[in-house]
C-alpha atoms as a PDB file:
ATOM      1  CA  MET A   1     -50.716 -27.316 -28.062  1.00  0.00           C
ATOM      2  CA  LEU A   2     -51.769 -24.521 -30.756  1.00  0.00           C
ATOM      3  CA  THR A   3     -52.970 -23.383 -27.050  1.00  0.00           C
ATOM      4  CA  GLY A   4     -50.058 -23.002 -25.541  1.00  0.00           C
ATOM      5  CA  PHE A   5     -48.427 -20.974 -28.523  1.00  0.00           C
ATOM      6  CA  ARG A   6     -51.169 -19.018 -28.942  1.00  0.00           C
ATOM      7  CA  ASN A   7     -50.492 -17.910 -24.443  1.00  0.00           C
ATOM      8  CA  PHE A   8     -46.309 -18.568 -25.189  1.00  0.00           C
ATOM      9  CA  VAL A   9     -47.247 -15.383 -27.951  1.00  0.00           C
ATOM     10  CA  LEU A  10     -49.479 -13.165 -26.245  1.00  0.00           C
ATOM     11  CA  ARG A  11     -48.794 -13.620 -22.463  1.00  0.00           C
ATOM     12  CA  GLY A  12     -45.130 -13.142 -22.646  1.00  0.00           C
ATOM     13  CA  ASN A  13     -43.508 -10.360 -24.348  1.00  0.00           C
ATOM     14  CA  LEU A  14     -42.439 -11.631 -27.747  1.00  0.00           C
ATOM     15  CA  ILE A  15     -44.617  -9.311 -29.336  1.00  0.00           C
ATOM     16  CA  ASP A  16     -43.009  -6.300 -27.653  1.00  0.00           C
ATOM     17  CA  LEU A  17     -39.384  -7.401 -28.065  1.00  0.00           C
ATOM     18  CA  ALA A  18     -40.045  -7.857 -31.498  1.00  0.00           C
ATOM     19  CA  VAL A  19     -41.386  -4.267 -32.106  1.00  0.00           C
ATOM     20  CA  ALA A  20     -38.580  -3.227 -29.398  1.00  0.00           C
ATOM     21  CA  VAL A  21     -36.009  -4.518 -31.710  1.00  0.00           C
ATOM     22  CA  ILE A  22     -37.330  -3.842 -35.633  1.00  0.00           C
ATOM     23  CA  ILE A  23     -38.121   0.318 -33.830  1.00  0.00           C
ATOM     24  CA  GLY A  24     -34.688  -0.118 -32.692  1.00  0.00           C
ATOM     25  CA  ALA A  25     -33.266  -0.679 -35.705  1.00  0.00           C
ATOM     26  CA  ALA A  26     -34.787   1.582 -37.340  1.00  0.00           C
ATOM     27  CA  PHE A  27     -34.172   4.811 -35.384  1.00  0.00           C
ATOM     28  CA  GLY A  28     -30.207   3.162 -35.251  1.00  0.00           C
ATOM     29  CA  THR A  29     -30.250   4.068 -38.759  1.00  0.00           C
ATOM     30  CA  VAL A  30     -31.089   7.406 -38.166  1.00  0.00           C
ATOM     31  CA  VAL A  31     -29.293   7.779 -35.942  1.00  0.00           C
ATOM     32  CA  THR A  32     -25.788   6.763 -38.187  1.00  0.00           C
ATOM     33  CA  THR A  33     -27.084   9.010 -40.974  1.00  0.00           C
ATOM     34  CA  PHE A  34     -27.473  11.866 -39.245  1.00  0.00           C
ATOM     35  CA  THR A  35     -24.224  11.290 -36.996  1.00  0.00           C
ATOM     36  CA  ALA A  36     -22.634  10.968 -40.666  1.00  0.00           C
ATOM     37  CA  TRP A  37     -24.265  14.485 -41.639  1.00  0.00           C
ATOM     38  CA  LEU A  38     -23.132  16.579 -38.784  1.00  0.00           C
ATOM     39  CA  THR A  39     -19.637  15.382 -38.844  1.00  0.00           C
ATOM     40  CA  ALA A  40     -19.686  15.393 -43.051  1.00  0.00           C
ATOM     41  CA  LYS A  41     -17.710  18.343 -43.926  1.00  0.00           C
ATOM     42  CA  LEU A  42     -19.389  21.786 -44.761  1.00  0.00           C
ATOM     43  CA  PRO A  43     -21.218  21.314 -48.111  1.00  0.00           C
ATOM     44  CA  GLU A  44     -20.091  24.033 -51.008  1.00  0.00           C
ATOM     45  CA  SER A  45     -23.407  24.915 -52.135  1.00  0.00           C
ATOM     46  CA  THR A  46     -26.801  25.213 -50.921  1.00  0.00           C
ATOM     47  CA  GLN A  47     -27.823  22.541 -53.369  1.00  0.00           C
ATOM     48  CA  ASP A  48     -25.221  19.480 -51.716  1.00  0.00           C
ATOM     49  CA  ILE A  49     -27.112  20.316 -48.850  1.00  0.00           C
ATOM     50  CA  PHE A  50     -30.179  18.084 -50.411  1.00  0.00           C
ATOM     51  CA  GLU A  51     -28.718  16.211 -52.531  1.00  0.00           C
ATOM     52  CA  ASN A  52     -29.333  12.585 -51.495  1.00  0.00           C
ATOM     53  CA  LYS A  53     -25.159  10.980 -50.679  1.00  0.00           C
ATOM     54  CA  GLU A  54     -24.132   9.220 -48.608  1.00  0.00           C
ATOM     55  CA  ASN A  55     -23.313  12.010 -46.161  1.00  0.00           C
ATOM     56  CA  SER A  56     -26.167  14.590 -47.016  1.00  0.00           C
ATOM     57  CA  PHE A  57     -29.041  16.032 -45.603  1.00  0.00           C
ATOM     58  CA  GLY A  58     -31.228  13.985 -47.178  1.00  0.00           C
ATOM     59  CA  ALA A  59     -29.722  10.524 -46.177  1.00  0.00           C
ATOM     60  CA  PHE A  60     -30.889  12.113 -42.703  1.00  0.00           C
ATOM     61  CA  MET A  61     -34.769  13.020 -44.026  1.00  0.00           C
ATOM     62  CA  ASN A  62     -34.468  10.242 -45.708  1.00  0.00           C
ATOM     63  CA  ALA A  63     -34.023   7.686 -42.714  1.00  0.00           C
ATOM     64  CA  VAL A  64     -36.058   9.533 -40.729  1.00  0.00           C
ATOM     65  CA  ILE A  65     -39.602   8.890 -43.363  1.00  0.00           C
ATOM     66  CA  SER A  66     -38.520   5.549 -43.150  1.00  0.00           C
ATOM     67  CA  PHE A  67     -38.559   5.241 -39.534  1.00  0.00           C
ATOM     68  CA  LEU A  68     -41.855   7.315 -39.517  1.00  0.00           C
ATOM     69  CA  ILE A  69     -43.157   5.068 -41.395  1.00  0.00           C
ATOM     70  CA  LEU A  70     -41.810   1.602 -40.446  1.00  0.00           C
ATOM     71  CA  ALA A  71     -43.543   2.823 -37.457  1.00  0.00           C
ATOM     72  CA  ALA A  72     -46.318   3.047 -38.849  1.00  0.00           C
ATOM     73  CA  VAL A  73     -46.853   0.216 -40.624  1.00  0.00           C
ATOM     74  CA  VAL A  74     -45.702  -1.779 -37.144  1.00  0.00           C
ATOM     75  CA  TYR A  75     -48.094  -0.275 -35.192  1.00  0.00           C
ATOM     76  CA  PHE A  76     -50.928  -0.960 -36.897  1.00  0.00           C
ATOM     77  CA  PHE A  77     -50.360  -4.696 -38.334  1.00  0.00           C
ATOM     78  CA  ILE A  78     -49.131  -5.868 -35.287  1.00  0.00           C
ATOM     79  CA  VAL A  79     -48.724  -3.445 -32.084  1.00  0.00           C
ATOM     80  CA  VAL A  80     -53.062  -2.708 -32.243  1.00  0.00           C
ATOM     81  CA  PRO A  81     -53.894  -6.589 -34.161  1.00  0.00           C
ATOM     82  CA  TYR A  82     -52.134  -7.927 -30.626  1.00  0.00           C
ATOM     83  CA  ILE A  83     -53.827  -6.071 -28.052  1.00  0.00           C
ATOM     84  CA  LYS A  84     -57.057  -6.461 -29.901  1.00  0.00           C
ATOM     85  CA  ALA A  85     -55.535 -10.454 -29.579  1.00  0.00           C
ATOM     86  CA  LYS A  86     -54.975 -10.408 -25.613  1.00  0.00           C
ATOM     87  CA  GLU A  87     -57.955  -8.375 -24.902  1.00  0.00           C
ATOM     88  CA  LYS A  88     -59.890 -11.123 -26.364  1.00  0.00           C
ATOM     89  CA  PHE A  89     -58.571 -14.560 -24.958  1.00  0.00           C
ATOM     90  CA  PHE A  90     -57.104 -12.514 -22.078  1.00  0.00           C
ATOM     91  CA  PRO A  91     -59.178 -10.078 -21.415  1.00  0.00           C
ATOM     92  CA  SER A  92     -58.539  -7.411 -18.147  1.00  0.00           C
ATOM     93  CA  PRO A  93     -59.700  -8.275 -14.802  1.00  0.00           C
ATOM     94  CA  LYS A  94     -62.251  -6.385 -13.783  1.00  0.00           C
ATOM     95  CA  PRO A  95     -62.587  -3.234 -12.766  1.00  0.00           C
ATOM     96  CA  GLY A  96     -62.596  -3.199  -7.901  1.00  0.00           C
ATOM     97  CA  THR A  97     -61.211  -5.654  -5.481  1.00  0.00           C
ATOM     98  CA  PRO A  98     -59.745  -8.264  -6.767  1.00  0.00           C
ATOM     99  CA  GLU A  99     -61.597 -12.322  -5.421  1.00  0.00           C
ATOM    100  CA  ASP A 100     -58.914 -13.018  -3.118  1.00  0.00           C
ATOM    101  CA  ILE A 101     -58.617  -9.546  -1.062  1.00  0.00           C
ATOM    102  CA  LYS A 102     -61.900  -9.236  -0.275  1.00  0.00           C
ATOM    103  CA  LEU A 103     -61.789 -12.398   0.813  1.00  0.00           C
ATOM    104  CA  LEU A 104     -59.115 -11.334   2.899  1.00  0.00           C
ATOM    105  CA  THR A 105     -60.770  -8.600   4.352  1.00  0.00           C
ATOM    106  CA  GLU A 106     -63.419 -10.823   5.643  1.00  0.00           C
ATOM    107  CA  ILE A 107     -61.054 -13.239   7.272  1.00  0.00           C
ATOM    108  CA  ARG A 108     -59.741 -10.074   8.769  1.00  0.00           C
ATOM    109  CA  ASP A 109     -63.347  -8.677   9.548  1.00  0.00           C
ATOM    110  CA  LEU A 110     -64.378 -11.674  11.514  1.00  0.00           C
ATOM    111  CA  LEU A 111     -61.049 -12.439  13.274  1.00  0.00           C
ATOM    112  CA  ALA A 112     -61.611  -8.262  14.704  1.00  0.00           C
ATOM    113  CA  GLU A 113     -65.142  -9.580  15.542  1.00  0.00           C
ATOM    114  CA  ARG A 114     -64.249 -13.080  17.894  1.00  0.00           C
ATOM    115  CA  ARG A 115     -61.962 -10.743  19.249  1.00  0.00           C
ATOM    116  CA  ASP A 116     -64.434  -8.913  20.893  1.00  0.00           C
END
């Protein structure tokens, strides 16, 4: 029963989809704050540019920094362990010709010899 769950989590695209949703939502915040900053009225002074108001450059930079921190956390605490676990339980095939292709090649060669 636990093996089936492990196969579900590691073989499917469950982790990939979860990471995509997390990163997509965080990037949506970056785009929203950038759009709000870009379409806001021009600041009256240079100090207003960097104040952390809803439609300011500071809010946009805050969203960018938050996005980068979240992306780093997701990568180092979800993606890297997932890749290691996947390689441990489901190792990649060794480089070279797969066994079924070798067998088909042998069959082809034997059939070619019989025709001669």
